[in-house]
Amino acid sequence: QEQLAESGGGLVQAGGSLSLSCAASGIIFKDNNMGWYRQAPGKQRDFVARIGTGGTTNYADSVKDRFTISRDNAKNTVYLQMNSLKPEDTAVYYCHARNIYTDRTVWGQGTQVTVSS
């Protein structure tokens, strides 16, 4: 079974930090581009950050210089370090995998991040 399991969400004050983890199973992790997306109530799911199989990273402008995505292939885990959090960062954060050879994709169930003002 292909599965992504997010963890690390919670409640934090504006200006604070939070670290998310996404543990993958049932996929060849090293063959997957990994990403984070987020969705606030009543809004569409938006791209946050991506890390490719070779380690290249991309970020949405709204999180650039505040968030850092990383991966540990030995642990089949992708991370999102979130610093200087703002209330507008409040959303459910979803982990995403895309196999670069098969184009097969997997979504996690999401973890809630709430930033209070």
N, C-alpha and C. Protein backbone atom coordinates (compact mmCIF):
# COMPACT_ATOMS: atom_id res chain seq x y z
N GLN A 1 0.84 -1.19 0.00
CA GLN A 1 0.00 0.00 0.00
C GLN A 1 0.88 1.25 0.00
N GLU A 2 0.60 2.14 -0.93
CA GLU A 2 1.32 3.41 -1.01
C GLU A 2 0.70 4.38 0.00
N GLN A 3 1.52 4.93 0.86
CA GLN A 3 0.99 5.75 1.93
C GLN A 3 1.98 6.83 2.35
N LEU A 4 1.46 8.03 2.61
CA LEU A 4 2.21 9.13 3.18
C LEU A 4 1.54 9.54 4.48
N ALA A 5 2.32 9.65 5.55
CA ALA A 5 1.78 9.96 6.86
C ALA A 5 2.44 11.22 7.40
N GLU A 6 1.68 12.32 7.44
CA GLU A 6 2.18 13.58 7.96
C GLU A 6 2.08 13.62 9.48
N SER A 7 2.99 14.36 10.09
CA SER A 7 2.94 14.59 11.52
C SER A 7 3.63 15.90 11.84
N GLY A 8 3.40 16.41 13.04
CA GLY A 8 4.08 17.62 13.50
C GLY A 8 3.23 18.86 13.50
N GLY A 9 2.01 18.78 13.01
CA GLY A 9 1.14 19.94 13.02
C GLY A 9 0.73 20.30 14.44
N GLY A 10 0.20 21.51 14.58
CA GLY A 10 -0.23 21.96 15.88
C GLY A 10 -0.54 23.43 15.89
N LEU A 11 -0.65 23.98 17.10
CA LEU A 11 -0.95 25.38 17.32
C LEU A 11 0.31 26.12 17.73
N VAL A 12 0.57 27.25 17.08
CA VAL A 12 1.76 28.03 17.36
C VAL A 12 1.43 29.51 17.22
N GLN A 13 2.12 30.34 17.98
CA GLN A 13 1.95 31.78 17.89
C GLN A 13 2.64 32.35 16.66
N ALA A 14 2.11 33.45 16.15
CA ALA A 14 2.76 34.15 15.05
C ALA A 14 4.21 34.46 15.42
N GLY A 15 5.09 34.24 14.46
CA GLY A 15 6.51 34.41 14.69
C GLY A 15 7.21 33.17 15.16
N GLY A 16 6.45 32.16 15.52
CA GLY A 16 7.03 30.92 16.01
C GLY A 16 7.41 29.97 14.89
N SER A 17 7.82 28.78 15.29
CA SER A 17 8.30 27.77 14.35
C SER A 17 7.60 26.44 14.58
N LEU A 18 7.58 25.65 13.53
CA LEU A 18 7.00 24.33 13.58
C LEU A 18 7.69 23.48 12.52
N SER A 19 7.85 22.20 12.82
CA SER A 19 8.48 21.29 11.88
C SER A 19 7.54 20.14 11.55
N LEU A 20 7.29 19.93 10.27
CA LEU A 20 6.43 18.85 9.81
C LEU A 20 7.27 17.71 9.25
N SER A 21 6.77 16.51 9.41
CA SER A 21 7.40 15.33 8.84
C SER A 21 6.39 14.55 8.02
N CYS A 22 6.88 13.86 7.02
CA CYS A 22 6.05 13.01 6.19
C CYS A 22 6.79 11.72 5.94
N ALA A 23 6.28 10.64 6.51
CA ALA A 23 6.90 9.33 6.37
C ALA A 23 6.20 8.56 5.25
N ALA A 24 6.98 8.09 4.29
CA ALA A 24 6.44 7.38 3.14
C ALA A 24 6.63 5.88 3.30
N SER A 25 5.67 5.14 2.81
CA SER A 25 5.76 3.69 2.77
C SER A 25 5.09 3.17 1.50
N GLY A 26 5.54 2.02 1.04
CA GLY A 26 4.95 1.42 -0.13
C GLY A 26 5.35 2.06 -1.45
N ILE A 27 6.34 2.96 -1.42
CA ILE A 27 6.85 3.57 -2.63
C ILE A 27 8.37 3.51 -2.61
N ILE A 28 8.97 3.61 -3.79
CA ILE A 28 10.42 3.73 -3.87
C ILE A 28 10.73 5.20 -3.66
N PHE A 29 11.03 5.54 -2.42
CA PHE A 29 11.10 6.94 -2.01
C PHE A 29 12.10 7.74 -2.85
N LYS A 30 13.26 7.18 -3.11
CA LYS A 30 14.30 7.90 -3.84
C LYS A 30 13.91 8.23 -5.27
N ASP A 31 12.90 7.56 -5.81
CA ASP A 31 12.44 7.81 -7.17
C ASP A 31 11.32 8.83 -7.23
N ASN A 32 10.98 9.44 -6.11
CA ASN A 32 9.87 10.37 -6.04
C ASN A 32 10.28 11.80 -5.75
N ASN A 33 9.79 12.72 -6.56
CA ASN A 33 9.79 14.11 -6.14
C ASN A 33 8.81 14.25 -4.99
N MET A 34 9.19 15.00 -3.97
CA MET A 34 8.35 15.16 -2.79
C MET A 34 7.95 16.62 -2.63
N GLY A 35 6.74 16.84 -2.16
CA GLY A 35 6.27 18.20 -2.01
C GLY A 35 5.33 18.38 -0.85
N TRP A 36 5.13 19.64 -0.49
CA TRP A 36 4.16 20.03 0.51
C TRP A 36 3.17 21.00 -0.11
N TYR A 37 1.90 20.80 0.19
CA TYR A 37 0.82 21.67 -0.23
C TYR A 37 0.00 22.03 0.99
N ARG A 38 -0.81 23.07 0.88
CA ARG A 38 -1.65 23.44 2.00
C ARG A 38 -3.00 23.94 1.51
N GLN A 39 -3.99 23.79 2.37
CA GLN A 39 -5.35 24.19 2.03
C GLN A 39 -6.05 24.77 3.25
N ALA A 40 -6.45 26.02 3.15
CA ALA A 40 -7.23 26.66 4.19
C ALA A 40 -8.71 26.43 3.91
N PRO A 41 -9.56 26.51 4.95
CA PRO A 41 -11.00 26.29 4.75
C PRO A 41 -11.58 27.21 3.68
N GLY A 42 -12.33 26.63 2.74
CA GLY A 42 -12.95 27.41 1.69
C GLY A 42 -12.03 27.84 0.58
N LYS A 43 -10.77 27.41 0.61
CA LYS A 43 -9.81 27.81 -0.41
C LYS A 43 -9.25 26.58 -1.11
N GLN A 44 -8.60 26.80 -2.24
CA GLN A 44 -8.01 25.71 -2.99
C GLN A 44 -6.71 25.25 -2.35
N ARG A 45 -6.30 24.05 -2.74
CA ARG A 45 -5.03 23.52 -2.26
C ARG A 45 -3.89 24.16 -3.05
N ASP A 46 -2.94 24.75 -2.34
CA ASP A 46 -1.85 25.50 -2.97
C ASP A 46 -0.51 24.85 -2.73
N PHE A 47 0.36 25.02 -3.70
CA PHE A 47 1.73 24.55 -3.60
C PHE A 47 2.49 25.33 -2.54
N VAL A 48 3.31 24.64 -1.77
CA VAL A 48 4.14 25.26 -0.75
C VAL A 48 5.62 25.09 -1.07
N ALA A 49 6.06 23.84 -1.23
CA ALA A 49 7.47 23.57 -1.44
C ALA A 49 7.64 22.22 -2.12
N ARG A 50 8.76 22.05 -2.79
CA ARG A 50 9.07 20.82 -3.50
C ARG A 50 10.55 20.52 -3.36
N ILE A 51 10.88 19.24 -3.28
CA ILE A 51 12.26 18.81 -3.37
C ILE A 51 12.33 17.63 -4.32
N GLY A 52 13.20 17.73 -5.30
CA GLY A 52 13.31 16.71 -6.32
C GLY A 52 14.16 15.54 -5.87
N THR A 53 14.21 14.53 -6.73
CA THR A 53 14.99 13.35 -6.41
C THR A 53 16.48 13.67 -6.27
N GLY A 54 16.94 14.69 -6.96
CA GLY A 54 18.33 15.10 -6.88
C GLY A 54 18.61 16.15 -5.83
N GLY A 55 17.59 16.57 -5.09
CA GLY A 55 17.78 17.51 -4.01
C GLY A 55 17.47 18.96 -4.34
N THR A 56 17.07 19.25 -5.58
CA THR A 56 16.72 20.62 -5.92
C THR A 56 15.43 21.02 -5.23
N THR A 57 15.33 22.26 -4.80
CA THR A 57 14.17 22.73 -4.06
C THR A 57 13.49 23.89 -4.77
N ASN A 58 12.20 24.01 -4.54
CA ASN A 58 11.39 25.12 -5.03
C ASN A 58 10.40 25.50 -3.95
N TYR A 59 10.09 26.80 -3.88
CA TYR A 59 9.18 27.30 -2.86
C TYR A 59 8.18 28.27 -3.45
N ALA A 60 6.99 28.28 -2.89
CA ALA A 60 6.06 29.34 -3.19
C ALA A 60 6.61 30.66 -2.68
N ASP A 61 6.33 31.74 -3.40
CA ASP A 61 6.83 33.05 -2.99
C ASP A 61 6.40 33.41 -1.57
N SER A 62 5.22 32.97 -1.17
CA SER A 62 4.68 33.32 0.13
C SER A 62 5.45 32.71 1.29
N VAL A 63 6.22 31.66 1.03
CA VAL A 63 6.96 30.99 2.11
C VAL A 63 8.46 31.05 1.92
N LYS A 64 8.91 31.58 0.80
CA LYS A 64 10.34 31.66 0.51
C LYS A 64 11.06 32.42 1.63
N ASP A 65 12.20 31.91 2.03
CA ASP A 65 13.05 32.48 3.08
C ASP A 65 12.51 32.22 4.49
N ARG A 66 11.35 31.58 4.60
CA ARG A 66 10.81 31.21 5.90
C ARG A 66 10.72 29.71 6.10
N PHE A 67 10.41 28.98 5.03
CA PHE A 67 10.25 27.53 5.10
C PHE A 67 11.43 26.85 4.43
N THR A 68 11.77 25.66 4.91
CA THR A 68 12.82 24.86 4.31
C THR A 68 12.35 23.42 4.17
N ILE A 69 12.42 22.90 2.95
CA ILE A 69 12.07 21.51 2.71
C ILE A 69 13.35 20.69 2.62
N SER A 70 13.32 19.49 3.16
CA SER A 70 14.47 18.60 3.10
C SER A 70 13.98 17.16 3.05
N ARG A 71 14.88 16.24 2.73
CA ARG A 71 14.51 14.84 2.68
C ARG A 71 15.64 13.97 3.19
N ASP A 72 15.27 12.82 3.72
CA ASP A 72 16.22 11.82 4.17
C ASP A 72 15.81 10.51 3.52
N ASN A 73 16.49 10.15 2.45
CA ASN A 73 16.11 8.96 1.70
C ASN A 73 16.28 7.68 2.52
N ALA A 74 17.23 7.67 3.45
CA ALA A 74 17.44 6.51 4.29
C ALA A 74 16.27 6.27 5.23
N LYS A 75 15.56 7.35 5.57
CA LYS A 75 14.42 7.26 6.47
C LYS A 75 13.08 7.34 5.74
N ASN A 76 13.13 7.45 4.42
CA ASN A 76 11.90 7.59 3.62
C ASN A 76 11.02 8.72 4.15
N THR A 77 11.63 9.84 4.47
CA THR A 77 10.93 10.93 5.12
C THR A 77 11.29 12.27 4.48
N VAL A 78 10.28 13.11 4.30
CA VAL A 78 10.47 14.48 3.86
C VAL A 78 10.02 15.40 4.98
N TYR A 79 10.69 16.54 5.13
CA TYR A 79 10.43 17.46 6.22
C TYR A 79 10.09 18.84 5.69
N LEU A 80 9.39 19.60 6.50
CA LEU A 80 9.16 21.01 6.22
C LEU A 80 9.38 21.79 7.51
N GLN A 81 10.48 22.53 7.56
CA GLN A 81 10.76 23.40 8.68
C GLN A 81 10.14 24.76 8.40
N MET A 82 9.26 25.20 9.28
CA MET A 82 8.52 26.44 9.10
C MET A 82 8.92 27.41 10.19
N ASN A 83 9.48 28.53 9.80
CA ASN A 83 9.90 29.58 10.72
C ASN A 83 9.14 30.87 10.44
N SER A 84 9.17 31.78 11.39
CA SER A 84 8.51 33.08 11.26
C SER A 84 7.08 32.92 10.77
N LEU A 85 6.35 32.04 11.40
CA LEU A 85 5.00 31.72 10.96
C LEU A 85 4.05 32.90 11.10
N LYS A 86 3.14 32.99 10.14
CA LYS A 86 2.14 34.04 10.08
C LYS A 86 0.76 33.43 10.17
N PRO A 87 -0.24 34.20 10.62
CA PRO A 87 -1.60 33.66 10.66
C PRO A 87 -2.08 33.13 9.31
N GLU A 88 -1.65 33.74 8.21
CA GLU A 88 -2.05 33.28 6.90
C GLU A 88 -1.44 31.94 6.51
N ASP A 89 -0.51 31.43 7.31
CA ASP A 89 0.02 30.09 7.10
C ASP A 89 -0.92 29.01 7.63
N THR A 90 -1.95 29.41 8.35
CA THR A 90 -2.90 28.46 8.91
C THR A 90 -3.58 27.67 7.80
N ALA A 91 -3.49 26.35 7.86
CA ALA A 91 -4.04 25.49 6.84
C ALA A 91 -3.80 24.04 7.22
N VAL A 92 -4.42 23.15 6.48
CA VAL A 92 -4.06 21.74 6.53
C VAL A 92 -2.93 21.53 5.54
N TYR A 93 -1.84 20.97 6.00
CA TYR A 93 -0.66 20.75 5.18
C TYR A 93 -0.62 19.30 4.72
N TYR A 94 -0.47 19.12 3.41
CA TYR A 94 -0.48 17.80 2.79
C TYR A 94 0.87 17.46 2.18
N CYS A 95 1.29 16.25 2.38
CA CYS A 95 2.48 15.72 1.75
C CYS A 95 2.12 15.10 0.40
N HIS A 96 3.02 15.20 -0.57
CA HIS A 96 2.76 14.72 -1.91
C HIS A 96 4.00 14.04 -2.48
N ALA A 97 3.79 12.95 -3.18
CA ALA A 97 4.87 12.23 -3.84
C ALA A 97 4.52 12.01 -5.31
N ARG A 98 5.52 12.14 -6.17
CA ARG A 98 5.35 11.84 -7.59
C ARG A 98 6.55 11.06 -8.08
N ASN A 99 6.30 9.86 -8.56
CA ASN A 99 7.36 9.03 -9.09
C ASN A 99 7.80 9.58 -10.44
N ILE A 100 9.08 9.89 -10.58
CA ILE A 100 9.58 10.54 -11.78
C ILE A 100 9.61 9.59 -12.98
N TYR A 101 9.51 8.30 -12.75
CA TYR A 101 9.55 7.33 -13.84
C TYR A 101 8.16 6.87 -14.28
N THR A 102 7.25 6.73 -13.32
CA THR A 102 5.91 6.25 -13.62
C THR A 102 4.85 7.34 -13.59
N ASP A 103 5.17 8.49 -13.04
CA ASP A 103 4.26 9.61 -12.84
C ASP A 103 3.13 9.27 -11.85
N ARG A 104 3.26 8.19 -11.13
CA ARG A 104 2.27 7.85 -10.12
C ARG A 104 2.38 8.82 -8.96
N THR A 105 1.25 9.26 -8.45
CA THR A 105 1.23 10.22 -7.36
C THR A 105 0.50 9.67 -6.14
N VAL A 106 0.91 10.15 -4.97
CA VAL A 106 0.31 9.77 -3.71
C VAL A 106 0.15 11.02 -2.85
N TRP A 107 -0.98 11.14 -2.18
CA TRP A 107 -1.24 12.22 -1.24
C TRP A 107 -1.37 11.70 0.17
N GLY A 108 -0.88 12.47 1.13
CA GLY A 108 -1.12 12.17 2.52
C GLY A 108 -2.48 12.67 2.95
N GLN A 109 -2.84 12.38 4.20
CA GLN A 109 -4.14 12.78 4.73
C GLN A 109 -4.15 14.20 5.28
N GLY A 110 -2.99 14.75 5.54
CA GLY A 110 -2.89 16.12 5.99
C GLY A 110 -2.71 16.25 7.49
N THR A 111 -2.09 17.36 7.89
CA THR A 111 -1.92 17.70 9.29
C THR A 111 -2.23 19.18 9.48
N GLN A 112 -2.97 19.50 10.53
CA GLN A 112 -3.44 20.86 10.75
C GLN A 112 -2.34 21.72 11.36
N VAL A 113 -2.13 22.89 10.78
CA VAL A 113 -1.24 23.91 11.33
C VAL A 113 -2.07 25.16 11.58
N THR A 114 -2.07 25.62 12.81
CA THR A 114 -2.81 26.82 13.18
C THR A 114 -1.86 27.83 13.79
N VAL A 115 -1.84 29.03 13.22
CA VAL A 115 -0.97 30.10 13.69
C VAL A 115 -1.85 31.21 14.25
N SER A 116 -1.72 31.48 15.53
CA SER A 116 -2.52 32.50 16.18
C SER A 116 -1.84 33.86 16.10
N SER A 117 -2.65 34.91 16.04
CA SER A 117 -2.12 36.27 15.94
C SER A 117 -1.88 36.88 17.30
